Protein backbone atom coordinates (compact mmCIF):
# COMPACT_ATOMS: atom_id res chain seq x y z
CA UNK A 1 162.53 -56.54 -107.64
CA UNK A 2 160.00 -55.40 -110.24
CA UNK A 3 157.82 -57.97 -112.01
CA UNK A 4 159.46 -57.85 -114.79
CA UNK A 5 162.22 -59.63 -113.24
CA UNK A 6 160.77 -61.74 -111.32
CA UNK A 7 158.47 -62.98 -113.83
CA UNK A 8 161.17 -63.38 -115.74
CA UNK A 9 163.47 -64.90 -113.21
CA UNK A 10 160.30 -67.46 -112.58
CA UNK A 11 160.79 -68.31 -116.06
CA UNK A 12 164.14 -69.34 -116.37
CA UNK A 13 163.40 -71.85 -113.42
CA UNK A 14 161.03 -74.20 -114.39
CA UNK A 15 163.11 -73.51 -118.25
CA UNK A 16 165.79 -74.13 -117.46
CA UNK A 17 165.95 -76.83 -114.43
CA UNK A 18 168.98 -77.68 -112.50
CA UNK A 19 170.35 -76.09 -115.57
CA UNK A 20 170.13 -72.66 -114.06
CA UNK A 21 172.35 -72.61 -110.89
CA UNK A 22 171.58 -68.68 -109.28
CA UNK A 23 169.17 -66.31 -110.60
CA UNK A 24 168.94 -62.14 -108.45
CA UNK A 25 168.64 -59.01 -109.19
CA UNK A 26 171.96 -56.50 -109.85
CA UNK A 27 171.51 -52.93 -111.12
CA UNK A 28 168.50 -53.18 -112.79
CA UNK A 29 169.39 -56.65 -114.59
CA UNK A 30 168.62 -60.24 -113.74
CA UNK A 31 171.84 -62.17 -113.64
CA UNK A 32 171.94 -65.87 -114.07
CA UNK A 33 174.78 -68.35 -113.11
CA UNK A 34 173.91 -71.40 -115.79
CA UNK A 35 176.37 -74.99 -115.32
CA UNK A 36 178.31 -75.89 -118.43
CA UNK A 37 175.87 -78.83 -119.02
CA UNK A 38 173.50 -78.11 -120.08
CA UNK A 39 174.87 -74.16 -121.32
CA UNK A 40 174.28 -74.24 -125.22
CA UNK A 41 170.79 -75.72 -124.89
CA UNK A 42 169.79 -72.92 -122.53
CA UNK A 43 170.64 -70.06 -124.53
CA UNK A 44 169.49 -71.32 -127.47
CA UNK A 45 166.42 -71.09 -125.37
CA UNK A 46 166.85 -67.90 -124.49
CA UNK A 47 167.28 -66.56 -127.74
CA UNK A 48 163.87 -68.96 -129.28
CA UNK A 49 161.26 -68.70 -127.37
CA UNK A 50 158.37 -65.93 -127.05
CA UNK A 51 158.62 -65.16 -123.50
CA UNK A 52 162.11 -64.82 -123.31
CA UNK A 53 163.40 -63.59 -127.31
CA UNK A 54 167.38 -62.18 -126.21
CA UNK A 55 168.13 -62.07 -129.85
CA UNK A 56 170.56 -60.13 -129.20
CA UNK A 57 174.46 -60.22 -127.96
CA UNK A 58 175.78 -57.47 -126.76
CA UNK A 59 178.81 -58.22 -125.06
CA UNK A 60 180.88 -60.60 -123.85
CA UNK A 61 184.17 -60.08 -121.45
CA UNK A 62 186.30 -62.96 -118.83
CA UNK A 63 186.17 -62.21 -115.55
CA UNK A 64 189.28 -63.12 -113.14
CA UNK A 65 188.53 -63.44 -109.60
CA UNK A 66 192.05 -63.70 -108.08
CA UNK A 67 192.19 -61.04 -105.24
CA UNK A 68 188.04 -60.53 -105.83
CA UNK A 69 186.77 -59.69 -102.49
CA UNK A 70 189.36 -58.99 -100.52
CA UNK A 71 190.97 -62.47 -101.43
CA UNK A 72 187.87 -64.11 -99.79
CA UNK A 73 186.11 -65.37 -102.66
CA UNK A 74 186.47 -69.29 -103.28
CA UNK A 75 184.51 -69.94 -106.19
CA UNK A 76 186.51 -70.84 -109.32
CA UNK A 77 189.33 -68.30 -110.29
CA UNK A 78 187.42 -67.70 -114.06
CA UNK A 79 184.34 -67.08 -115.90
CA UNK A 80 183.22 -65.70 -118.72
CA UNK A 81 179.39 -63.41 -118.77
CA UNK A 82 177.57 -62.10 -121.44
CA UNK A 83 174.95 -59.23 -121.24
CA UNK A 84 171.76 -60.17 -124.16
CA UNK A 85 169.49 -57.54 -124.45
CA UNK A 86 165.45 -58.95 -125.80
CA UNK A 87 164.38 -56.21 -128.48
CA UNK A 88 160.31 -57.20 -128.47
CA UNK A 89 160.58 -57.01 -124.21
CA UNK A 90 162.89 -54.39 -123.35
CA UNK A 91 165.13 -56.01 -121.33
CA UNK A 92 168.51 -57.11 -120.14
CA UNK A 93 169.97 -60.04 -118.58
CA UNK A 94 172.81 -60.78 -117.47
CA UNK A 95 174.27 -64.47 -117.53
CA UNK A 96 177.74 -66.06 -116.36
CA UNK A 97 178.98 -69.55 -116.67
CA UNK A 98 182.43 -70.29 -114.59
CA UNK A 99 185.49 -72.25 -115.94
CA UNK A 100 187.90 -74.27 -114.03
CA UNK A 101 191.51 -73.15 -113.41
CA UNK A 102 193.35 -75.15 -114.57
CA UNK A 103 192.11 -74.94 -118.38
CA UNK A 104 190.03 -72.23 -118.52
CA UNK A 105 187.33 -73.32 -121.05
CA UNK A 106 183.37 -72.60 -122.06
CA UNK A 107 180.86 -73.58 -124.92
CA UNK A 108 181.25 -71.50 -128.08
CA UNK A 109 178.15 -69.42 -128.79
CA UNK A 110 178.93 -68.70 -132.40
CA UNK A 111 176.04 -70.47 -132.89
CA UNK A 112 173.68 -69.21 -131.58
CA UNK A 113 174.85 -65.45 -131.99
CA UNK A 114 177.30 -64.16 -134.64
CA UNK A 115 178.49 -61.46 -132.90
CA UNK A 116 179.97 -64.24 -129.66
CA UNK A 117 182.67 -64.06 -132.91
CA UNK A 118 185.15 -61.46 -131.77
CA UNK A 119 184.07 -61.27 -128.51
CA UNK A 120 185.38 -65.01 -127.24
CA UNK A 121 188.38 -63.25 -129.32
CA UNK A 122 188.91 -60.64 -127.33
CA UNK A 123 188.78 -63.32 -124.04
CA UNK A 124 190.44 -65.31 -124.95
CA UNK A 125 193.02 -63.11 -125.77
CA UNK A 126 193.11 -61.04 -123.29
CA UNK A 127 192.30 -63.80 -120.58
CA UNK A 128 192.83 -67.28 -122.21
CA UNK A 129 190.34 -68.13 -121.92
CA UNK A 130 189.13 -70.77 -124.57
CA UNK A 131 185.88 -71.63 -126.14
CA UNK A 132 185.60 -74.75 -127.54
CA UNK A 133 183.25 -74.63 -130.70
CA UNK A 134 184.81 -71.66 -132.02
CA UNK A 135 185.65 -71.60 -135.33
CA UNK A 136 188.87 -69.48 -135.34
CA UNK A 137 190.01 -68.70 -132.14
CA UNK A 138 193.20 -66.99 -131.74
CA UNK A 139 194.50 -63.29 -130.84
CA UNK A 140 192.68 -59.96 -131.77
CA UNK A 141 194.37 -57.56 -129.73
CA UNK A 142 198.13 -58.33 -129.09
CA UNK A 143 200.94 -59.38 -131.26
CA UNK A 144 200.92 -63.07 -132.38
CA UNK A 145 203.91 -63.82 -130.98
CA UNK A 146 202.65 -63.26 -127.71
CA UNK A 147 203.45 -64.41 -124.32
CA UNK A 148 201.03 -64.69 -121.38
CA UNK A 149 197.34 -62.70 -120.97
CA UNK A 150 197.72 -59.46 -119.95
CA UNK A 151 194.36 -59.18 -117.83
CA UNK A 152 194.83 -61.90 -116.34
CA UNK A 153 195.70 -60.37 -112.44
CA UNK A 154 198.56 -61.86 -112.39
CA UNK A 155 200.27 -60.55 -115.49
CA UNK A 156 202.80 -58.34 -115.28
CA UNK A 157 201.95 -54.41 -115.13
CA UNK A 158 205.26 -54.20 -117.19
CA UNK A 159 204.92 -57.03 -119.20
CA UNK A 160 207.46 -59.93 -119.97
CA UNK A 161 208.87 -58.75 -123.48
CA UNK A 162 209.27 -55.66 -125.57
CA UNK A 163 209.37 -55.65 -129.20
CA UNK A 164 211.08 -52.73 -131.44
CA UNK A 165 212.56 -52.37 -135.07
CA UNK A 166 215.76 -53.43 -135.42
CA UNK A 167 217.77 -51.38 -138.25
CA UNK A 168 220.52 -53.28 -138.99
CA UNK A 169 218.12 -57.04 -138.97
CA UNK A 170 215.76 -54.97 -141.64
CA UNK A 171 212.70 -56.87 -138.85
CA UNK A 172 211.02 -56.55 -136.02
CA UNK A 173 212.76 -58.20 -133.35
CA UNK A 174 211.35 -58.91 -129.20
CA UNK A 175 213.88 -58.52 -125.90
CA UNK A 176 212.55 -59.53 -122.80
CA UNK A 177 211.61 -55.81 -121.05
CA UNK A 178 213.66 -53.65 -118.97
CA UNK A 179 211.62 -51.54 -117.59
CA UNK A 180 211.68 -51.60 -113.98
CA UNK A 181 207.92 -52.41 -112.63
CA UNK A 182 206.97 -50.19 -110.23
CA UNK A 183 204.48 -48.91 -107.59
CA UNK A 184 201.67 -46.55 -108.47
CA UNK A 185 200.73 -44.52 -105.28
CA UNK A 186 198.11 -41.90 -105.86
CA UNK A 187 197.91 -38.57 -105.40
CA UNK A 188 196.19 -37.39 -102.89
CA UNK A 189 194.45 -33.79 -101.72
CA UNK A 190 195.61 -33.61 -97.65
CA UNK A 191 194.98 -30.61 -94.92
CA UNK A 192 197.86 -29.65 -92.82
CA UNK A 193 196.90 -26.59 -90.18
CA UNK A 194 194.19 -24.19 -91.92
CA UNK A 195 194.53 -24.98 -95.21
CA UNK A 196 194.41 -27.29 -97.97
CA UNK A 197 197.86 -28.23 -100.77
CA UNK A 198 197.90 -30.34 -103.62
CA UNK A 199 200.58 -33.50 -102.94
CA UNK A 200 201.25 -33.22 -106.99
CA UNK A 201 202.46 -29.37 -106.44
CA UNK A 202 205.53 -31.15 -103.12
């Protein structure tokens, strides 16, 4: 861990107390896990403290941990990950907060970083994660009548409904999916005898 990351980790531990559940370096950045209690206050501090100054929210993404680690994962199923950038200190921070399995909900940070508006709508649309306090939480990528959350690991690969334009009715209609789900087998290079051949050509 670099001196800058170690100083940041110590600073976060001293200021956030029990709100900080974990902090460890990962891929050259510090990853911290925050509890829901005190989460918004911690985000305010990360933005406003002169030693942190994480004034730019780069991205928010949802995570579904079903089957993570070959099924050995024992923690909550859903999490939200925030990627922050301090322009002043040229430093990045990855923040993770877990949500309940039955009703995944975390506080909205739109009031702290305005850029969170669309990112939170995207995580809601694709993962079904709710953001408490969001001013306009609705789907942003899928259709308004879409059923389910397509980035969840248990969502069927072919979906559940399909849409088409019906000329007789003069409108778009929704119907159950007619495509049979198939198992995708990767094509690989194989060695046979003295030569090599491509499985795609067989």
